[in-house]
C-alpha cells in the first residue's frame, strides 16, 4: 500500500531507483490516467528462488499477464484464503503467515516449513 502511494506520486523508493522506471498510461479519449506501469531496468536475480518457486512465479505471471491490479487483488483476497484469514484473525496490514500458503500439494510438511522458518530467523539474527 505504501509503495503504491509512493509510485502514484512519481516517487520511486531509493532502493528501487536503479532497477525500475515508471510509465503512466493515459486513456486516449479522456486523458485520465488508466494505470501505472513499472518497467524493469535490468533482469531480476532468479538464483534466490528454488526451481519450484520459479515454476510458480512463471504460472502466476502467465495467469495474470493481462490482468489489472484490481483483478489480482480480487483473486488474492478471496474469502478463507491467507489474506482474508490474516485480516480476520490479526487485523488489516498484518504480515501473512507463510504457513497459510501450504496446501495438500505442498512438497514440504508444516513441520518442515516451521523448521525452515526457525532456521531462517536464526541465520538473520546471527548475521545482522
Protein backbone atom coordinates (compact mmCIF):
# COMPACT_ATOMS: atom_id res chain seq x y z
CA UNK A 1 0.00 0.00 0.00
CA UNK A 2 2.76 2.42 0.95
CA UNK A 3 4.74 1.51 -2.19
CA UNK A 4 1.67 2.11 -4.36
CA UNK A 5 1.17 5.57 -2.83
CA UNK A 6 4.80 6.50 -3.42
CA UNK A 7 4.76 5.30 -7.02
CA UNK A 8 1.44 7.05 -7.66
CA UNK A 9 3.19 10.31 -6.73
CA UNK A 10 6.07 9.55 -9.14
CA UNK A 11 8.34 8.75 -6.23
CA UNK A 12 10.36 5.58 -6.57
CA UNK A 13 11.86 4.41 -3.27
CA UNK A 14 15.63 4.84 -3.21
CA UNK A 15 16.28 1.08 -3.12
CA UNK A 16 14.32 0.61 -6.37
CA UNK A 17 15.61 3.58 -8.41
CA UNK A 18 18.38 1.64 -10.12
CA UNK A 19 16.07 -1.18 -11.20
CA UNK A 20 12.67 0.38 -12.05
CA UNK A 21 11.17 3.08 -14.25
CA UNK A 22 7.58 4.32 -14.04
CA UNK A 23 5.35 4.80 -17.05
CA UNK A 24 1.84 6.21 -16.62
CA UNK A 25 -0.65 5.21 -19.27
CA UNK A 26 -3.48 7.60 -20.12
CA UNK A 27 -6.89 7.00 -21.61
CA UNK A 28 -6.76 8.24 -25.21
CA UNK A 29 -10.26 9.71 -25.03
CA UNK A 30 -10.36 11.33 -21.59
CA UNK A 31 -6.65 11.87 -20.96
CA UNK A 32 -7.09 10.43 -17.46
CA UNK A 33 -4.54 8.03 -16.03
CA UNK A 34 -5.56 4.43 -16.60
CA UNK A 35 -2.71 2.69 -14.80
CA UNK A 36 0.91 2.83 -13.80
CA UNK A 37 3.35 0.51 -15.49
CA UNK A 38 6.61 -0.48 -13.79
CA UNK A 39 9.40 -1.12 -16.28
CA UNK A 40 12.44 -3.08 -15.08
CA UNK A 41 15.85 -1.62 -15.93
CA UNK A 42 17.59 -4.96 -15.54
CA UNK A 43 16.82 -8.66 -15.30
CA UNK A 44 15.98 -9.98 -11.84
CA UNK A 45 18.31 -12.35 -10.00
CA UNK A 46 16.28 -15.55 -10.05
CA UNK A 47 19.02 -17.52 -8.31
CA UNK A 48 17.37 -16.75 -4.98
CA UNK A 49 14.39 -18.96 -5.92
CA UNK A 50 14.10 -22.73 -5.96
CA UNK A 51 13.04 -24.43 -9.19
CA UNK A 52 9.55 -24.94 -7.73
CA UNK A 53 9.29 -21.26 -6.80
CA UNK A 54 10.37 -20.30 -10.34
CA UNK A 55 7.64 -22.55 -11.77
CA UNK A 56 5.06 -20.91 -9.51
CA UNK A 57 6.21 -17.42 -10.50
CA UNK A 58 6.00 -18.38 -14.18
CA UNK A 59 2.45 -19.73 -13.73
CA UNK A 60 1.34 -16.62 -11.83
CA UNK A 61 2.89 -14.35 -14.48
CA UNK A 62 1.13 -16.28 -17.25
CA UNK A 63 -2.23 -16.25 -15.49
CA UNK A 64 -2.12 -12.55 -14.67
CA UNK A 65 -0.17 -11.17 -17.65
CA UNK A 66 -3.19 -9.23 -18.95
CA UNK A 67 -4.86 -8.60 -15.60
CA UNK A 68 -5.22 -5.27 -13.89
CA UNK A 69 -4.27 -4.74 -10.25
CA UNK A 70 -7.93 -4.77 -9.17
CA UNK A 71 -8.37 -8.23 -10.74
CA UNK A 72 -5.32 -9.60 -8.92
CA UNK A 73 -6.48 -8.05 -5.67
CA UNK A 74 -9.88 -9.66 -6.02
CA UNK A 75 -8.38 -13.11 -6.57
CA UNK A 76 -5.77 -12.80 -3.81
CA UNK A 77 -8.34 -11.57 -1.28
CA UNK A 78 -10.85 -14.41 -1.61
CA UNK A 79 -12.78 -15.48 1.48
CA UNK A 80 -10.97 -18.01 3.70
CA UNK A 81 -7.69 -17.65 1.82
CA UNK A 82 -4.46 -16.41 3.52
CA UNK A 83 -5.13 -12.67 3.16
CA UNK A 84 -8.70 -12.96 4.44
CA UNK A 85 -7.71 -15.24 7.34
CA UNK A 86 -4.93 -12.87 8.37
CA UNK A 87 -7.18 -9.83 8.20
CA UNK A 88 -9.87 -11.50 10.32
CA UNK A 89 -7.52 -13.04 12.89
CA UNK A 90 -4.76 -10.41 13.20
CA UNK A 91 -6.15 -7.26 11.63
CA UNK A 92 -5.57 -5.23 8.49
CA UNK A 93 -2.00 -4.75 7.19
CA UNK A 94 -0.57 -7.55 9.33
CA UNK A 95 2.02 -9.94 7.97
CA UNK A 96 0.52 -13.02 6.30
CA UNK A 97 1.85 -16.21 7.84
CA UNK A 98 3.79 -18.21 5.25
CA UNK A 99 2.29 -21.43 6.61
CA UNK A 100 -1.14 -20.38 5.35
CA UNK A 101 0.18 -20.86 1.81
CA UNK A 102 0.78 -24.57 2.33
CA UNK A 103 -1.83 -26.85 0.82
CA UNK A 104 -2.29 -30.58 0.21
CA UNK A 105 0.02 -30.43 -2.81
CA UNK A 106 2.90 -28.75 -0.95
CA UNK A 107 6.22 -30.56 -1.20
CA UNK A 108 7.01 -29.74 2.43
CA UNK A 109 5.09 -30.56 5.57
CA UNK A 110 4.00 -27.91 8.04
CA UNK A 111 6.70 -29.17 10.42
CA UNK A 112 9.40 -28.85 7.73
CA UNK A 113 8.23 -25.34 6.88
CA UNK A 114 8.26 -24.31 10.55
CA UNK A 115 11.80 -25.64 10.91
CA UNK A 116 12.95 -23.72 7.82
CA UNK A 117 11.37 -20.53 9.17
CA UNK A 118 13.08 -21.08 12.53
CA UNK A 119 16.45 -21.62 10.86
CA UNK A 120 15.97 -18.58 8.64
CA UNK A 121 15.24 -16.37 11.67
CA UNK A 122 18.26 -17.78 13.46
CA UNK A 123 20.51 -17.05 10.48
CA UNK A 124 19.21 -13.48 10.20
CA UNK A 125 19.92 -12.89 13.90
CA UNK A 126 23.43 -14.27 13.55
CA UNK A 127 24.34 -12.13 10.55
CA UNK A 128 22.76 -8.79 11.43
